[in-house]
């Protein structure tokens, strides 16, 4: 994410550059309608990880504490990359799916809207 300074003299080293993450990229991940998680998680992931590995192994590690997680059907998830609908190729890598450094990946689980429908 670039910074646009409003005044001259903005200096400083950008600490979140991709090269500072030892081959990983930062990925912001958010579960729509589940505000028990108040903001997207920012996780370091290798761009060579397949989307299937991400969905089956990484997401449960982040979201399994939510009581809705056991009801999630991965094949019914609606995915969004930034603000656009996104259909991931599960057999391809995160990089091949176009998820670059500091990409935002959101997902919606139809029929699941948080604890007792509260979006929390």
C-alpha atoms as a PDB file:
ATOM      1  CA  UNK A   1       0.000   0.000   0.000  1.00  0.00           C
ATOM      2  CA  UNK A   2       1.595   3.247  -1.036  1.00  0.00           C
ATOM      3  CA  UNK A   3       1.622   6.413   1.021  1.00  0.00           C
ATOM      4  CA  UNK A   4       0.810   9.805  -0.463  1.00  0.00           C
ATOM      5  CA  UNK A   5       2.279  12.526   1.718  1.00  0.00           C
ATOM      6  CA  UNK A   6       0.319  15.744   1.918  1.00  0.00           C
ATOM      7  CA  UNK A   7       3.447  17.744   2.772  1.00  0.00           C
ATOM      8  CA  UNK A   8       7.073  17.566   1.735  1.00  0.00           C
ATOM      9  CA  UNK A   9       9.429  15.948   4.165  1.00  0.00           C
ATOM     10  CA  UNK A  10       7.681  12.620   4.764  1.00  0.00           C
ATOM     11  CA  UNK A  11      10.510  10.245   5.454  1.00  0.00           C
ATOM     12  CA  UNK A  12      10.863   6.824   6.914  1.00  0.00           C
ATOM     13  CA  UNK A  13      11.568   3.290   5.959  1.00  0.00           C
ATOM     14  CA  UNK A  14       8.540   1.221   4.949  1.00  0.00           C
ATOM     15  CA  UNK A  15       8.726  -1.789   7.277  1.00  0.00           C
ATOM     16  CA  UNK A  16       5.949  -3.806   5.638  1.00  0.00           C
ATOM     17  CA  UNK A  17       7.610  -4.274   2.242  1.00  0.00           C
ATOM     18  CA  UNK A  18       7.279  -7.778   0.814  1.00  0.00           C
ATOM     19  CA  UNK A  19      11.026  -8.395   0.963  1.00  0.00           C
ATOM     20  CA  UNK A  20      10.875  -8.075   4.768  1.00  0.00           C
ATOM     21  CA  UNK A  21       8.713 -11.190   5.163  1.00  0.00           C
ATOM     22  CA  UNK A  22      11.197 -13.942   4.217  1.00  0.00           C
ATOM     23  CA  UNK A  23       9.408 -15.100   1.082  1.00  0.00           C
ATOM     24  CA  UNK A  24       5.914 -14.599   2.466  1.00  0.00           C
ATOM     25  CA  UNK A  25       3.267 -12.061   1.546  1.00  0.00           C
ATOM     26  CA  UNK A  26       0.831 -10.387   3.881  1.00  0.00           C
ATOM     27  CA  UNK A  27      -2.767 -11.353   3.228  1.00  0.00           C
ATOM     28  CA  UNK A  28      -5.687  -9.604   4.925  1.00  0.00           C
ATOM     29  CA  UNK A  29      -8.533 -12.087   5.462  1.00  0.00           C
ATOM     30  CA  UNK A  30     -12.032 -11.160   6.643  1.00  0.00           C
ATOM     31  CA  UNK A  31     -15.180 -13.217   7.250  1.00  0.00           C
ATOM     32  CA  UNK A  32     -18.231 -11.162   6.332  1.00  0.00           C
ATOM     33  CA  UNK A  33     -21.112 -10.967   8.855  1.00  0.00           C
ATOM     34  CA  UNK A  34     -18.981 -12.362  11.682  1.00  0.00           C
ATOM     35  CA  UNK A  35     -18.027  -9.434  13.843  1.00  0.00           C
ATOM     36  CA  UNK A  36     -16.711 -11.616  16.642  1.00  0.00           C
ATOM     37  CA  UNK A  37     -13.589 -10.891  14.576  1.00  0.00           C
ATOM     38  CA  UNK A  38     -13.691  -7.095  14.502  1.00  0.00           C
ATOM     39  CA  UNK A  39     -11.220  -6.647  11.670  1.00  0.00           C
ATOM     40  CA  UNK A  40      -9.570  -8.704   8.956  1.00  0.00           C
ATOM     41  CA  UNK A  41      -6.695 -10.880  10.098  1.00  0.00           C
ATOM     42  CA  UNK A  42      -3.336 -10.060   8.573  1.00  0.00           C
ATOM     43  CA  UNK A  43      -1.343 -13.238   8.043  1.00  0.00           C
ATOM     44  CA  UNK A  44       1.961 -14.014   6.330  1.00  0.00           C
ATOM     45  CA  UNK A  45       1.546 -16.705   3.675  1.00  0.00           C
ATOM     46  CA  UNK A  46       3.856 -18.068   0.990  1.00  0.00           C
ATOM     47  CA  UNK A  47       2.682 -17.144  -2.521  1.00  0.00           C
ATOM     48  CA  UNK A  48       3.377 -20.784  -3.473  1.00  0.00           C
ATOM     49  CA  UNK A  49       0.661 -22.110  -1.114  1.00  0.00           C
ATOM     50  CA  UNK A  50      -2.300 -23.532  -2.997  1.00  0.00           C
ATOM     51  CA  UNK A  51      -5.664 -21.953  -2.415  1.00  0.00           C
ATOM     52  CA  UNK A  52      -6.925 -25.387  -1.320  1.00  0.00           C
ATOM     53  CA  UNK A  53      -4.308 -25.536   1.438  1.00  0.00           C
ATOM     54  CA  UNK A  54      -5.224 -22.015   2.490  1.00  0.00           C
ATOM     55  CA  UNK A  55      -8.958 -22.818   2.622  1.00  0.00           C
ATOM     56  CA  UNK A  56      -8.690 -26.258   4.252  1.00  0.00           C
ATOM     57  CA  UNK A  57      -5.756 -25.725   6.621  1.00  0.00           C
ATOM     58  CA  UNK A  58      -5.260 -22.014   7.307  1.00  0.00           C
ATOM     59  CA  UNK A  59      -8.831 -20.704   7.582  1.00  0.00           C
ATOM     60  CA  UNK A  60      -9.888 -23.218  10.271  1.00  0.00           C
ATOM     61  CA  UNK A  61      -6.873 -22.189  12.343  1.00  0.00           C
ATOM     62  CA  UNK A  62      -8.119 -18.612  12.264  1.00  0.00           C
ATOM     63  CA  UNK A  63     -11.875 -19.015  12.547  1.00  0.00           C
ATOM     64  CA  UNK A  64     -12.634 -22.345  14.278  1.00  0.00           C
ATOM     65  CA  UNK A  65     -13.275 -20.550  17.591  1.00  0.00           C
ATOM     66  CA  UNK A  66     -16.509 -19.161  16.128  1.00  0.00           C
ATOM     67  CA  UNK A  67     -19.564 -21.396  16.683  1.00  0.00           C
ATOM     68  CA  UNK A  68     -20.590 -20.975  13.007  1.00  0.00           C
ATOM     69  CA  UNK A  69     -17.344 -22.439  11.683  1.00  0.00           C
ATOM     70  CA  UNK A  70     -18.510 -26.069  11.955  1.00  0.00           C
ATOM     71  CA  UNK A  71     -21.412 -25.194   9.630  1.00  0.00           C
ATOM     72  CA  UNK A  72     -19.214 -23.665   6.908  1.00  0.00           C
ATOM     73  CA  UNK A  73     -19.312 -25.454   3.569  1.00  0.00           C
ATOM     74  CA  UNK A  74     -16.164 -24.487   1.691  1.00  0.00           C
ATOM     75  CA  UNK A  75     -17.762 -25.207  -1.680  1.00  0.00           C
ATOM     76  CA  UNK A  76     -20.529 -22.651  -0.959  1.00  0.00           C
ATOM     77  CA  UNK A  77     -18.321 -19.758   0.169  1.00  0.00           C
ATOM     78  CA  UNK A  78     -18.624 -16.512  -1.782  1.00  0.00           C
ATOM     79  CA  UNK A  79     -15.134 -15.039  -2.199  1.00  0.00           C
ATOM     80  CA  UNK A  80     -14.146 -11.413  -2.774  1.00  0.00           C
ATOM     81  CA  UNK A  81     -10.729 -10.089  -3.696  1.00  0.00           C
ATOM     82  CA  UNK A  82     -10.754  -6.495  -2.541  1.00  0.00           C
ATOM     83  CA  UNK A  83     -14.305  -5.451  -3.468  1.00  0.00           C
ATOM     84  CA  UNK A  84     -14.770  -7.704  -6.477  1.00  0.00           C
ATOM     85  CA  UNK A  85     -16.363 -11.134  -6.621  1.00  0.00           C
ATOM     86  CA  UNK A  86     -13.598 -13.701  -6.941  1.00  0.00           C
ATOM     87  CA  UNK A  87     -13.671 -17.348  -7.989  1.00  0.00           C
ATOM     88  CA  UNK A  88     -10.467 -18.962  -6.758  1.00  0.00           C
ATOM     89  CA  UNK A  89      -8.800 -21.832  -8.561  1.00  0.00           C
ATOM     90  CA  UNK A  90      -8.233 -24.138  -5.584  1.00  0.00           C
ATOM     91  CA  UNK A  91      -5.479 -26.143  -7.286  1.00  0.00           C
ATOM     92  CA  UNK A  92      -3.496 -22.986  -8.109  1.00  0.00           C
ATOM     93  CA  UNK A  93      -1.253 -21.032  -5.777  1.00  0.00           C
ATOM     94  CA  UNK A  94      -2.208 -17.842  -4.003  1.00  0.00           C
ATOM     95  CA  UNK A  95       0.133 -15.972  -6.348  1.00  0.00           C
ATOM     96  CA  UNK A  96      -1.426 -17.610  -9.420  1.00  0.00           C
ATOM     97  CA  UNK A  97      -4.833 -16.559  -8.080  1.00  0.00           C
ATOM     98  CA  UNK A  98      -3.620 -12.945  -8.204  1.00  0.00           C
ATOM     99  CA  UNK A  99      -3.281 -12.439  -4.444  1.00  0.00           C
ATOM    100  CA  UNK A 100      -0.290 -10.172  -4.117  1.00  0.00           C
ATOM    101  CA  UNK A 101       1.400  -8.618  -1.101  1.00  0.00           C
ATOM    102  CA  UNK A 102      -1.157  -6.968   1.221  1.00  0.00           C
ATOM    103  CA  UNK A 103      -4.119  -8.254  -0.813  1.00  0.00           C
ATOM    104  CA  UNK A 104      -7.531  -8.220   0.849  1.00  0.00           C
ATOM    105  CA  UNK A 105      -9.491 -11.469   0.694  1.00  0.00           C
ATOM    106  CA  UNK A 106     -13.012 -11.522   2.113  1.00  0.00           C
ATOM    107  CA  UNK A 107     -15.492 -14.345   2.199  1.00  0.00           C
ATOM    108  CA  UNK A 108     -19.197 -14.721   2.906  1.00  0.00           C
ATOM    109  CA  UNK A 109     -20.883 -17.906   4.070  1.00  0.00           C
ATOM    110  CA  UNK A 110     -24.496 -17.908   2.827  1.00  0.00           C
ATOM    111  CA  UNK A 111     -26.996 -18.594   5.592  1.00  0.00           C
ATOM    112  CA  UNK A 112     -24.484 -17.916   8.365  1.00  0.00           C
ATOM    113  CA  UNK A 113     -24.704 -14.459   9.882  1.00  0.00           C
ATOM    114  CA  UNK A 114     -22.978 -14.740  13.213  1.00  0.00           C
ATOM    115  CA  UNK A 115     -24.049 -15.843  16.638  1.00  0.00           C
ATOM    116  CA  UNK A 116     -27.855 -16.243  16.565  1.00  0.00           C
ATOM    117  CA  UNK A 117     -27.969 -14.052  13.456  1.00  0.00           C
ATOM    118  CA  UNK A 118     -26.423 -11.095  15.249  1.00  0.00           C
ATOM    119  CA  UNK A 119     -23.512 -10.701  12.803  1.00  0.00           C
ATOM    120  CA  UNK A 120     -21.173 -11.168  15.758  1.00  0.00           C
END
